[in-house]
Amino acid sequence: RNLIVTTTKDVITLDFILQEITSEKGLAEHALSNSFSEFISTYRATEITHHYLATGKDQEPLYLEDKDFLSCIDSRKKPLVSDIEGTNAVKCVVAAIESAKTGKVVEIK
């Protein structure tokens, strides 16, 4: 699961599994090409920086969500994320997938 954001000067990649952000700043070299693979082979970042968001399984987001959920069952406390927030998050994901498939804007209801 990766999110890649490309700007005119940088490429920022967020790896949700490894909890890592990679920032590639600037282009040292760029040339016109006939294919995507040729284009990728000409790309050179002038500076690459790695940032790790979580260290160890105890900080992994899905683990923390599951741990909180089980704790709420045991203690009957209110969860960090409400049922409404969870439902809205799923609606956003479903709409994003539909938009990616169709190439059209999808309204979230």
PDB file of N, CA and C in Angstrom:
ATOM      1  N   ARG A   1       0.839  -1.174   0.000  1.00  0.00           N
ATOM      2  CA  ARG A   1       0.000   0.000   0.000  1.00  0.00           C
ATOM      3  C   ARG A   1       0.880   1.232   0.000  1.00  0.00           C
ATOM      4  N   ASN A   2       0.896   1.914  -1.121  1.00  0.00           N
ATOM      5  CA  ASN A   2       1.713   3.110  -1.269  1.00  0.00           C
ATOM      6  C   ASN A   2       0.862   4.271  -1.745  1.00  0.00           C
ATOM      7  N   LEU A   3       1.222   5.454  -1.286  1.00  0.00           N
ATOM      8  CA  LEU A   3       0.658   6.693  -1.804  1.00  0.00           C
ATOM      9  C   LEU A   3       1.833   7.467  -2.372  1.00  0.00           C
ATOM     10  N   ILE A   4       1.735   7.829  -3.652  1.00  0.00           N
ATOM     11  CA  ILE A   4       2.810   8.572  -4.302  1.00  0.00           C
ATOM     12  C   ILE A   4       2.261   9.930  -4.723  1.00  0.00           C
ATOM     13  N   VAL A   5       2.914  10.988  -4.247  1.00  0.00           N
ATOM     14  CA  VAL A   5       2.535  12.354  -4.595  1.00  0.00           C
ATOM     15  C   VAL A   5       3.669  12.938  -5.424  1.00  0.00           C
ATOM     16  N   THR A   6       3.330  13.385  -6.630  1.00  0.00           N
ATOM     17  CA  THR A   6       4.326  13.954  -7.526  1.00  0.00           C
ATOM     18  C   THR A   6       4.032  15.431  -7.709  1.00  0.00           C
ATOM     19  N   THR A   7       5.032  16.255  -7.449  1.00  0.00           N
ATOM     20  CA  THR A   7       4.907  17.688  -7.692  1.00  0.00           C
ATOM     21  C   THR A   7       5.871  18.052  -8.811  1.00  0.00           C
ATOM     22  N   THR A   8       5.950  19.323  -9.141  1.00  0.00           N
ATOM     23  CA  THR A   8       6.867  19.736 -10.201  1.00  0.00           C
ATOM     24  C   THR A   8       8.330  19.613  -9.785  1.00  0.00           C
ATOM     25  N   LYS A   9       8.579  19.530  -8.458  1.00  0.00           N
ATOM     26  CA  LYS A   9       9.961  19.473  -7.979  1.00  0.00           C
ATOM     27  C   LYS A   9      10.290  18.221  -7.178  1.00  0.00           C
ATOM     28  N   ASP A  10       9.280  17.558  -6.619  1.00  0.00           N
ATOM     29  CA  ASP A  10       9.529  16.449  -5.700  1.00  0.00           C
ATOM     30  C   ASP A  10       8.622  15.260  -5.996  1.00  0.00           C
ATOM     31  N   VAL A  11       9.053  14.105  -5.499  1.00  0.00           N
ATOM     32  CA  VAL A  11       8.214  12.912  -5.463  1.00  0.00           C
ATOM     33  C   VAL A  11       8.232  12.426  -4.020  1.00  0.00           C
ATOM     34  N   ILE A  12       7.051  12.292  -3.420  1.00  0.00           N
ATOM     35  CA  ILE A  12       6.945  11.848  -2.029  1.00  0.00           C
ATOM     36  C   ILE A  12       6.172  10.539  -2.026  1.00  0.00           C
ATOM     37  N   THR A  13       6.762   9.507  -1.437  1.00  0.00           N
ATOM     38  CA  THR A  13       6.135   8.192  -1.375  1.00  0.00           C
ATOM     39  C   THR A  13       5.898   7.817   0.073  1.00  0.00           C
ATOM     40  N   LEU A  14       4.659   7.440   0.386  1.00  0.00           N
ATOM     41  CA  LEU A  14       4.312   6.969   1.722  1.00  0.00           C
ATOM     42  C   LEU A  14       4.001   5.485   1.620  1.00  0.00           C
ATOM     43  N   ASP A  15       4.763   4.674   2.317  1.00  0.00           N
ATOM     44  CA  ASP A  15       4.545   3.230   2.377  1.00  0.00           C
ATOM     45  C   ASP A  15       3.786   2.933   3.662  1.00  0.00           C
ATOM     46  N   PHE A  16       2.514   2.577   3.530  1.00  0.00           N
ATOM     47  CA  PHE A  16       1.669   2.350   4.705  1.00  0.00           C
ATOM     48  C   PHE A  16       2.060   1.090   5.465  1.00  0.00           C
ATOM     49  N   ILE A  17       2.608   0.102   4.777  1.00  0.00           N
ATOM     50  CA  ILE A  17       3.002  -1.145   5.436  1.00  0.00           C
ATOM     51  C   ILE A  17       4.272  -0.929   6.260  1.00  0.00           C
ATOM     52  N   LEU A  18       5.292  -0.370   5.647  1.00  0.00           N
ATOM     53  CA  LEU A  18       6.569  -0.155   6.337  1.00  0.00           C
ATOM     54  C   LEU A  18       6.576   1.113   7.180  1.00  0.00           C
ATOM     55  N   GLN A  19       5.515   1.930   7.057  1.00  0.00           N
ATOM     56  CA  GLN A  19       5.430   3.194   7.791  1.00  0.00           C
ATOM     57  C   GLN A  19       6.651   4.068   7.488  1.00  0.00           C
ATOM     58  N   GLU A  20       6.898   4.251   6.205  1.00  0.00           N
ATOM     59  CA  GLU A  20       8.068   5.000   5.750  1.00  0.00           C
ATOM     60  C   GLU A  20       7.637   6.069   4.751  1.00  0.00           C
ATOM     61  N   ILE A  21       8.231   7.250   4.888  1.00  0.00           N
ATOM     62  CA  ILE A  21       8.043   8.317   3.906  1.00  0.00           C
ATOM     63  C   ILE A  21       9.379   8.534   3.211  1.00  0.00           C
ATOM     64  N   THR A  22       9.356   8.497   1.885  1.00  0.00           N
ATOM     65  CA  THR A  22      10.551   8.763   1.101  1.00  0.00           C
ATOM     66  C   THR A  22      10.312  10.032   0.296  1.00  0.00           C
ATOM     67  N   SER A  23      11.225  10.970   0.420  1.00  0.00           N
ATOM     68  CA  SER A  23      11.130  12.229  -0.299  1.00  0.00           C
ATOM     69  C   SER A  23      12.279  12.303  -1.293  1.00  0.00           C
ATOM     70  N   GLU A  24      11.934  12.471  -2.570  1.00  0.00           N
ATOM     71  CA  GLU A  24      12.943  12.616  -3.622  1.00  0.00           C
ATOM     72  C   GLU A  24      12.839  14.037  -4.143  1.00  0.00           C
ATOM     73  N   LYS A  25      13.891  14.818  -3.922  1.00  0.00           N
ATOM     74  CA  LYS A  25      13.865  16.228  -4.294  1.00  0.00           C
ATOM     75  C   LYS A  25      14.676  16.466  -5.563  1.00  0.00           C
ATOM     76  N   GLY A  26      14.082  17.209  -6.474  1.00  0.00           N
ATOM     77  CA  GLY A  26      14.778  17.667  -7.661  1.00  0.00           C
ATOM     78  C   GLY A  26      15.062  16.589  -8.680  1.00  0.00           C
ATOM     79  N   LEU A  27      15.374  17.027  -9.858  1.00  0.00           N
ATOM     80  CA  LEU A  27      15.785  16.127 -10.924  1.00  0.00           C
ATOM     81  C   LEU A  27      17.176  16.518 -11.370  1.00  0.00           C
ATOM     82  N   ALA A  28      18.076  15.582 -11.336  1.00  0.00           N
ATOM     83  CA  ALA A  28      19.430  15.860 -11.798  1.00  0.00           C
ATOM     84  C   ALA A  28      19.527  15.682 -13.301  1.00  0.00           C
ATOM     85  N   GLU A  29      18.636  14.842 -13.846  1.00  0.00           N
ATOM     86  CA  GLU A  29      18.737  14.525 -15.260  1.00  0.00           C
ATOM     87  C   GLU A  29      17.344  14.177 -15.768  1.00  0.00           C
ATOM     88  N   HIS A  30      17.002  14.669 -16.942  1.00  0.00           N
ATOM     89  CA  HIS A  30      15.711  14.328 -17.525  1.00  0.00           C
ATOM     90  C   HIS A  30      15.856  14.406 -19.035  1.00  0.00           C
ATOM     91  N   ALA A  31      15.282  13.445 -19.724  1.00  0.00           N
ATOM     92  CA  ALA A  31      15.359  13.433 -21.179  1.00  0.00           C
ATOM     93  C   ALA A  31      14.034  12.946 -21.746  1.00  0.00           C
ATOM     94  N   LEU A  32      13.700  13.417 -22.945  1.00  0.00           N
ATOM     95  CA  LEU A  32      12.498  12.925 -23.608  1.00  0.00           C
ATOM     96  C   LEU A  32      12.721  11.472 -23.998  1.00  0.00           C
ATOM     97  N   SER A  33      11.654  10.703 -23.966  1.00  0.00           N
ATOM     98  CA  SER A  33      11.791   9.284 -24.283  1.00  0.00           C
ATOM     99  C   SER A  33      10.551   8.797 -25.014  1.00  0.00           C
ATOM    100  N   ASN A  34      10.683   7.619 -25.605  1.00  0.00           N
ATOM    101  CA  ASN A  34       9.580   7.036 -26.365  1.00  0.00           C
ATOM    102  C   ASN A  34       8.693   6.132 -25.530  1.00  0.00           C
ATOM    103  N   SER A  35       9.166   5.725 -24.364  1.00  0.00           N
ATOM    104  CA  SER A  35       8.378   4.806 -23.541  1.00  0.00           C
ATOM    105  C   SER A  35       8.495   5.185 -22.072  1.00  0.00           C
ATOM    106  N   PHE A  36       7.565   4.652 -21.289  1.00  0.00           N
ATOM    107  CA  PHE A  36       7.574   4.922 -19.856  1.00  0.00           C
ATOM    108  C   PHE A  36       8.834   4.358 -19.214  1.00  0.00           C
ATOM    109  N   SER A  37       9.252   3.162 -19.612  1.00  0.00           N
ATOM    110  CA  SER A  37      10.449   2.560 -19.014  1.00  0.00           C
ATOM    111  C   SER A  37      11.697   3.385 -19.319  1.00  0.00           C
ATOM    112  N   GLU A  38      11.774   3.965 -20.515  1.00  0.00           N
ATOM    113  CA  GLU A  38      12.907   4.838 -20.836  1.00  0.00           C
ATOM    114  C   GLU A  38      12.855   6.108 -19.990  1.00  0.00           C
ATOM    115  N   PHE A  39      11.654   6.644 -19.795  1.00  0.00           N
ATOM    116  CA  PHE A  39      11.488   7.845 -18.970  1.00  0.00           C
ATOM    117  C   PHE A  39      11.955   7.581 -17.546  1.00  0.00           C
ATOM    118  N   ILE A  40      11.525   6.464 -16.963  1.00  0.00           N
ATOM    119  CA  ILE A  40      11.910   6.118 -15.592  1.00  0.00           C
ATOM    120  C   ILE A  40      13.421   5.954 -15.483  1.00  0.00           C
ATOM    121  N   SER A  41      14.038   5.374 -16.498  1.00  0.00           N
ATOM    122  CA  SER A  41      15.487   5.146 -16.426  1.00  0.00           C
ATOM    123  C   SER A  41      16.277   6.449 -16.501  1.00  0.00           C
ATOM    124  N   THR A  42      15.677   7.543 -16.995  1.00  0.00           N
ATOM    125  CA  THR A  42      16.396   8.823 -17.060  1.00  0.00           C
ATOM    126  C   THR A  42      16.198   9.671 -15.814  1.00  0.00           C
ATOM    127  N   TYR A  43      15.276   9.259 -14.946  1.00  0.00           N
ATOM    128  CA  TYR A  43      14.962  10.035 -13.739  1.00  0.00           C
ATOM    129  C   TYR A  43      16.037   9.837 -12.686  1.00  0.00           C
ATOM    130  N   ARG A  44      16.567  10.930 -12.166  1.00  0.00           N
ATOM    131  CA  ARG A  44      17.559  10.861 -11.092  1.00  0.00           C
ATOM    132  C   ARG A  44      17.244  11.956 -10.083  1.00  0.00           C
ATOM    133  N   ALA A  45      17.000  11.581  -8.863  1.00  0.00           N
ATOM    134  CA  ALA A  45      16.746  12.567  -7.817  1.00  0.00           C
ATOM    135  C   ALA A  45      18.070  13.117  -7.316  1.00  0.00           C
ATOM    136  N   THR A  46      18.079  14.401  -6.974  1.00  0.00           N
ATOM    137  CA  THR A  46      19.301  15.004  -6.450  1.00  0.00           C
ATOM    138  C   THR A  46      19.462  14.745  -4.958  1.00  0.00           C
ATOM    139  N   GLU A  47      18.341  14.473  -4.263  1.00  0.00           N
ATOM    140  CA  GLU A  47      18.402  14.215  -2.820  1.00  0.00           C
ATOM    141  C   GLU A  47      17.263  13.270  -2.441  1.00  0.00           C
ATOM    142  N   ILE A  48      17.589  12.189  -1.753  1.00  0.00           N
ATOM    143  CA  ILE A  48      16.578  11.232  -1.296  1.00  0.00           C
ATOM    144  C   ILE A  48      16.647  11.144   0.224  1.00  0.00           C
ATOM    145  N   THR A  49      15.487  11.320   0.873  1.00  0.00           N
ATOM    146  CA  THR A  49      15.415  11.281   2.331  1.00  0.00           C
ATOM    147  C   THR A  49      14.380  10.249   2.758  1.00  0.00           C
ATOM    148  N   HIS A  50      14.720   9.431   3.757  1.00  0.00           N
ATOM    149  CA  HIS A  50      13.798   8.429   4.299  1.00  0.00           C
ATOM    150  C   HIS A  50      13.433   8.806   5.733  1.00  0.00           C
ATOM    151  N   HIS A  51      12.153   8.728   6.047  1.00  0.00           N
ATOM    152  CA  HIS A  51      11.668   8.948   7.410  1.00  0.00           C
ATOM    153  C   HIS A  51      10.812   7.754   7.790  1.00  0.00           C
ATOM    154  N   TYR A  52      11.055   7.201   8.964  1.00  0.00           N
ATOM    155  CA  TYR A  52      10.268   6.071   9.446  1.00  0.00           C
ATOM    156  C   TYR A  52       9.294   6.573  10.500  1.00  0.00           C
ATOM    157  N   LEU A  53       8.008   6.291  10.291  1.00  0.00           N
ATOM    158  CA  LEU A  53       6.963   6.804  11.170  1.00  0.00           C
ATOM    159  C   LEU A  53       6.778   5.962  12.418  1.00  0.00           C
ATOM    160  N   ALA A  54       6.932   4.670  12.281  1.00  0.00           N
ATOM    161  CA  ALA A  54       6.711   3.770  13.416  1.00  0.00           C
ATOM    162  C   ALA A  54       7.915   2.858  13.571  1.00  0.00           C
ATOM    163  N   THR A  55       8.241   2.553  14.794  1.00  0.00           N
ATOM    164  CA  THR A  55       9.345   1.632  15.042  1.00  0.00           C
ATOM    165  C   THR A  55       8.807   0.447  15.826  1.00  0.00           C
ATOM    166  N   GLY A  56       8.833  -0.699  15.220  1.00  0.00           N
ATOM    167  CA  GLY A  56       8.376  -1.910  15.893  1.00  0.00           C
ATOM    168  C   GLY A  56       6.893  -2.149  15.724  1.00  0.00           C
ATOM    169  N   LYS A  57       6.489  -3.406  15.945  1.00  0.00           N
ATOM    170  CA  LYS A  57       5.091  -3.778  15.741  1.00  0.00           C
ATOM    171  C   LYS A  57       4.158  -3.099  16.731  1.00  0.00           C
ATOM    172  N   ASP A  58       4.673  -2.677  17.875  1.00  0.00           N
ATOM    173  CA  ASP A  58       3.823  -2.026  18.867  1.00  0.00           C
ATOM    174  C   ASP A  58       3.345  -0.648  18.416  1.00  0.00           C
ATOM    175  N   GLN A  59       3.910  -0.123  17.338  1.00  0.00           N
ATOM    176  CA  GLN A  59       3.511   1.186  16.824  1.00  0.00           C
ATOM    177  C   GLN A  59       2.810   1.088  15.472  1.00  0.00           C
ATOM    178  N   GLU A  60       2.624  -0.113  14.959  1.00  0.00           N
ATOM    179  CA  GLU A  60       1.984  -0.298  13.661  1.00  0.00           C
ATOM    180  C   GLU A  60       0.507   0.075  13.779  1.00  0.00           C
ATOM    181  N   PRO A  61      -0.022   0.923  12.881  1.00  0.00           N
ATOM    182  CA  PRO A  61      -1.381   1.443  13.017  1.00  0.00           C
ATOM    183  C   PRO A  61      -2.478   0.382  13.136  1.00  0.00           C
ATOM    184  N   LEU A  62      -2.453  -0.642  12.309  1.00  0.00           N
ATOM    185  CA  LEU A  62      -3.499  -1.661  12.384  1.00  0.00           C
ATOM    186  C   LEU A  62      -3.448  -2.395  13.719  1.00  0.00           C
ATOM    187  N   TYR A  63      -2.245  -2.676  14.204  1.00  0.00           N
ATOM    188  CA  TYR A  63      -2.093  -3.315  15.519  1.00  0.00           C
ATOM    189  C   TYR A  63      -2.698  -2.431  16.612  1.00  0.00           C
ATOM    190  N   LEU A  64      -2.402  -1.129  16.565  1.00  0.00           N
ATOM    191  CA  LEU A  64      -2.927  -0.204  17.571  1.00  0.00           C
ATOM    192  C   LEU A  64      -4.455  -0.100  17.500  1.00  0.00           C
ATOM    193  N   GLU A  65      -5.007  -0.100  16.282  1.00  0.00           N
ATOM    194  CA  GLU A  65      -6.460  -0.063  16.132  1.00  0.00           C
ATOM    195  C   GLU A  65      -7.099  -1.313  16.724  1.00  0.00           C
ATOM    196  N   ASP A  66      -6.528  -2.476  16.400  1.00  0.00           N
ATOM    197  CA  ASP A  66      -7.061  -3.740  16.929  1.00  0.00           C
ATOM    198  C   ASP A  66      -6.944  -3.800  18.449  1.00  0.00           C
ATOM    199  N   LYS A  67      -5.812  -3.338  18.964  1.00  0.00           N
ATOM    200  CA  LYS A  67      -5.589  -3.341  20.411  1.00  0.00           C
ATOM    201  C   LYS A  67      -6.628  -2.456  21.110  1.00  0.00           C
ATOM    202  N   ASP A  68      -6.889  -1.274  20.554  1.00  0.00           N
ATOM    203  CA  ASP A  68      -7.885  -0.376  21.134  1.00  0.00           C
ATOM    204  C   ASP A  68      -9.277  -1.003  21.075  1.00  0.00           C
ATOM    205  N   PHE A  69      -9.604  -1.642  19.957  1.00  0.00           N
ATOM    206  CA  PHE A  69     -10.912  -2.280  19.804  1.00  0.00           C
ATOM    207  C   PHE A  69     -11.116  -3.354  20.870  1.00  0.00           C
ATOM    208  N   LEU A  70     -10.120  -4.214  21.060  1.00  0.00           N
ATOM    209  CA  LEU A  70     -10.228  -5.273  22.069  1.00  0.00           C
ATOM    210  C   LEU A  70     -10.315  -4.691  23.476  1.00  0.00           C
ATOM    211  N   SER A  71      -9.570  -3.629  23.729  1.00  0.00           N
ATOM    212  CA  SER A  71      -9.620  -2.963  25.029  1.00  0.00           C
ATOM    213  C   SER A  71     -11.018  -2.393  25.295  1.00  0.00           C
ATOM    214  N   CYS A  72     -11.642  -1.851  24.263  1.00  0.00           N
ATOM    215  CA  CYS A  72     -12.994  -1.299  24.406  1.00  0.00           C
ATOM    216  C   CYS A  72     -14.008  -2.393  24.723  1.00  0.00           C
ATOM    217  N   ILE A  73     -13.817  -3.567  24.138  1.00  0.00           N
ATOM    218  CA  ILE A  73     -14.712  -4.686  24.441  1.00  0.00           C
ATOM    219  C   ILE A  73     -14.571  -5.082  25.904  1.00  0.00           C
ATOM    220  N   ASP A  74     -13.326  -5.182  26.369  1.00  0.00           N
ATOM    221  CA  ASP A  74     -13.075  -5.587  27.762  1.00  0.00           C
ATOM    222  C   ASP A  74     -13.576  -4.552  28.771  1.00  0.00           C
ATOM    223  N   SER A  75     -13.310  -3.286  28.503  1.00  0.00           N
ATOM    224  CA  SER A  75     -13.592  -2.241  29.498  1.00  0.00           C
ATOM    225  C   SER A  75     -14.880  -1.458  29.236  1.00  0.00           C
ATOM    226  N   ARG A  76     -15.485  -1.693  28.075  1.00  0.00           N
ATOM    227  CA  ARG A  76     -16.695  -0.968  27.661  1.00  0.00           C
ATOM    228  C   ARG A  76     -16.453   0.540  27.529  1.00  0.00           C
ATOM    229  N   LYS A  77     -15.197   0.920  27.307  1.00  0.00           N
ATOM    230  CA  LYS A  77     -14.900   2.339  27.092  1.00  0.00           C
ATOM    231  C   LYS A  77     -15.206   2.711  25.637  1.00  0.00           C
ATOM    232  N   LYS A  78     -15.278   3.997  25.394  1.00  0.00           N
ATOM    233  CA  LYS A  78     -15.555   4.507  24.058  1.00  0.00           C
ATOM    234  C   LYS A  78     -14.298   4.354  23.191  1.00  0.00           C
ATOM    235  N   PRO A  79     -14.421   3.837  21.957  1.00  0.00           N
ATOM    236  CA  PRO A  79     -13.243   3.659  21.099  1.00  0.00           C
ATOM    237  C   PRO A  79     -12.670   4.995  20.620  1.00  0.00           C
ATOM    238  N   LEU A  80     -11.403   4.967  20.217  1.00  0.00           N
ATOM    239  CA  LEU A  80     -10.754   6.172  19.693  1.00  0.00           C
ATOM    240  C   LEU A  80     -11.456   6.670  18.429  1.00  0.00           C
ATOM    241  N   VAL A  81     -11.937   5.737  17.618  1.00  0.00           N
ATOM    242  CA  VAL A  81     -12.640   6.075  16.381  1.00  0.00           C
ATOM    243  C   VAL A  81     -14.082   5.604  16.523  1.00  0.00           C
ATOM    244  N   SER A  82     -15.022   6.528  16.337  1.00  0.00           N
ATOM    245  CA  SER A  82     -16.440   6.178  16.493  1.00  0.00           C
ATOM    246  C   SER A  82     -16.941   5.367  15.301  1.00  0.00           C
ATOM    247  N   ASP A  83     -18.110   4.768  15.463  1.00  0.00           N
ATOM    248  CA  ASP A  83     -18.712   4.015  14.366  1.00  0.00           C
ATOM    249  C   ASP A  83     -19.011   4.925  13.176  1.00  0.00           C
ATOM    250  N   ILE A  84     -19.392   6.151  13.440  1.00  0.00           N
ATOM    251  CA  ILE A  84     -19.677   7.103  12.358  1.00  0.00           C
ATOM    252  C   ILE A  84     -18.395   7.455  11.607  1.00  0.00           C
ATOM    253  N   GLU A  85     -17.313   7.715  12.341  1.00  0.00           N
ATOM    254  CA  GLU A  85     -16.026   8.025  11.698  1.00  0.00           C
ATOM    255  C   GLU A  85     -15.537   6.835  10.876  1.00  0.00           C
ATOM    256  N   GLY A  86     -15.691   5.639  11.406  1.00  0.00           N
ATOM    257  CA  GLY A  86     -15.289   4.435  10.672  1.00  0.00           C
ATOM    258  C   GLY A  86     -16.100   4.254   9.404  1.00  0.00           C
ATOM    259  N   THR A  87     -17.418   4.461   9.508  1.00  0.00           N
ATOM    260  CA  THR A  87     -18.294   4.351   8.339  1.00  0.00           C
ATOM    261  C   THR A  87     -17.918   5.385   7.287  1.00  0.00           C
ATOM    262  N   ASN A  88     -17.658   6.616   7.708  1.00  0.00           N
ATOM    263  CA  ASN A  88     -17.261   7.668   6.765  1.00  0.00           C
ATOM    264  C   ASN A  88     -15.932   7.346   6.091  1.00  0.00           C
ATOM    265  N   ALA A  89     -15.001   6.769   6.831  1.00  0.00           N
ATOM    266  CA  ALA A  89     -13.708   6.387   6.252  1.00  0.00           C
ATOM    267  C   ALA A  89     -13.899   5.324   5.177  1.00  0.00           C
ATOM    268  N   VAL A  90     -14.754   4.336   5.453  1.00  0.00           N
ATOM    269  CA  VAL A  90     -15.020   3.283   4.463  1.00  0.00           C
ATOM    270  C   VAL A  90     -15.700   3.871   3.232  1.00  0.00           C
ATOM    271  N   LYS A  91     -16.638   4.796   3.421  1.00  0.00           N
ATOM    272  CA  LYS A  91     -17.293   5.456   2.287  1.00  0.00           C
ATOM    273  C   LYS A  91     -16.270   6.180   1.408  1.00  0.00           C
ATOM    274  N   CYS A  92     -15.301   6.843   2.042  1.00  0.00           N
ATOM    275  CA  CYS A  92     -14.251   7.550   1.292  1.00  0.00           C
ATOM    276  C   CYS A  92     -13.409   6.580   0.473  1.00  0.00           C
ATOM    277  N   VAL A  93     -13.047   5.459   1.084  1.00  0.00           N
ATOM    278  CA  VAL A  93     -12.232   4.460   0.387  1.00  0.00           C
ATOM    279  C   VAL A  93     -13.000   3.875  -0.794  1.00  0.00           C
ATOM    280  N   VAL A  94     -14.265   3.519  -0.580  1.00  0.00           N
ATOM    281  CA  VAL A  94     -15.090   2.953  -1.654  1.00  0.00           C
ATOM    282  C   VAL A  94     -15.233   3.966  -2.795  1.00  0.00           C
ATOM    283  N   ALA A  95     -15.463   5.226  -2.467  1.00  0.00           N
ATOM    284  CA  ALA A  95     -15.587   6.267  -3.493  1.00  0.00           C
ATOM    285  C   ALA A  95     -14.274   6.467  -4.241  1.00  0.00           C
ATOM    286  N   ALA A  96     -13.152   6.428  -3.528  1.00  0.00           N
ATOM    287  CA  ALA A  96     -11.843   6.589  -4.176  1.00  0.00           C
ATOM    288  C   ALA A  96     -11.576   5.446  -5.147  1.00  0.00           C
ATOM    289  N   ILE A  97     -11.921   4.222  -4.753  1.00  0.00           N
ATOM    290  CA  ILE A  97     -11.726   3.066  -5.637  1.00  0.00           C
ATOM    291  C   ILE A  97     -12.615   3.196  -6.873  1.00  0.00           C
ATOM    292  N   GLU A  98     -13.870   3.568  -6.667  1.00  0.00           N
ATOM    293  CA  GLU A  98     -14.802   3.747  -7.790  1.00  0.00           C
ATOM    294  C   GLU A  98     -14.310   4.849  -8.727  1.00  0.00           C
ATOM    295  N   SER A  99     -13.828   5.954  -8.175  1.00  0.00           N
ATOM    296  CA  SER A  99     -13.310   7.053  -8.979  1.00  0.00           C
ATOM    297  C   SER A  99     -12.087   6.619  -9.784  1.00  0.00           C
ATOM    298  N   ALA A 100     -11.215   5.831  -9.156  1.00  0.00           N
ATOM    299  CA  ALA A 100     -10.021   5.336  -9.854  1.00  0.00           C
ATOM    300  C   ALA A 100     -10.411   4.413 -11.007  1.00  0.00           C
ATOM    301  N   LYS A 101     -11.442   3.600 -10.810  1.00  0.00           N
ATOM    302  CA  LYS A 101     -11.890   2.670 -11.858  1.00  0.00           C
ATOM    303  C   LYS A 101     -12.539   3.402 -13.028  1.00  0.00           C
ATOM    304  N   THR A 102     -13.369   4.400 -12.713  1.00  0.00           N
ATOM    305  CA  THR A 102     -14.151   5.078 -13.752  1.00  0.00           C
ATOM    306  C   THR A 102     -13.497   6.341 -14.294  1.00  0.00           C
ATOM    307  N   GLY A 103     -12.566   6.908 -13.523  1.00  0.00           N
ATOM    308  CA  GLY A 103     -11.950   8.162 -13.927  1.00  0.00           C
ATOM    309  C   GLY A 103     -12.863   9.359 -13.729  1.00  0.00           C
ATOM    310  N   LYS A 104     -13.928   9.158 -12.950  1.00  0.00           N
ATOM    311  CA  LYS A 104     -14.899  10.226 -12.718  1.00  0.00           C
ATOM    312  C   LYS A 104     -14.965  10.575 -11.234  1.00  0.00           C
ATOM    313  N   VAL A 105     -15.472  11.781 -10.960  1.00  0.00           N
ATOM    314  CA  VAL A 105     -15.689  12.210  -9.583  1.00  0.00           C
ATOM    315  C   VAL A 105     -16.851  11.402  -9.012  1.00  0.00           C
ATOM    316  N   VAL A 106     -16.681  10.891  -7.800  1.00  0.00           N
ATOM    317  CA  VAL A 106     -17.735  10.128  -7.136  1.00  0.00           C
ATOM    318  C   VAL A 106     -18.166  10.893  -5.896  1.00  0.00           C
ATOM    319  N   GLU A 107     -19.452  11.161  -5.812  1.00  0.00           N
ATOM    320  CA  GLU A 107     -19.986  11.883  -4.656  1.00  0.00           C
ATOM    321  C   GLU A 107     -20.121  10.933  -3.474  1.00  0.00           C
ATOM    322  N   ILE A 108     -19.699  11.394  -2.314  1.00  0.00           N
ATOM    323  CA  ILE A 108     -19.815  10.606  -1.087  1.00  0.00           C
ATOM    324  C   ILE A 108     -21.074  11.063  -0.369  1.00  0.00           C
ATOM    325  N   LYS A 109     -21.967  10.103  -0.128  1.00  0.00           N
ATOM    326  CA  LYS A 109     -23.248  10.446   0.520  1.00  0.00           C
ATOM    327  C   LYS A 109     -23.272   9.948   1.935  1.00  0.00           C
TER     328      LYS A 109
END
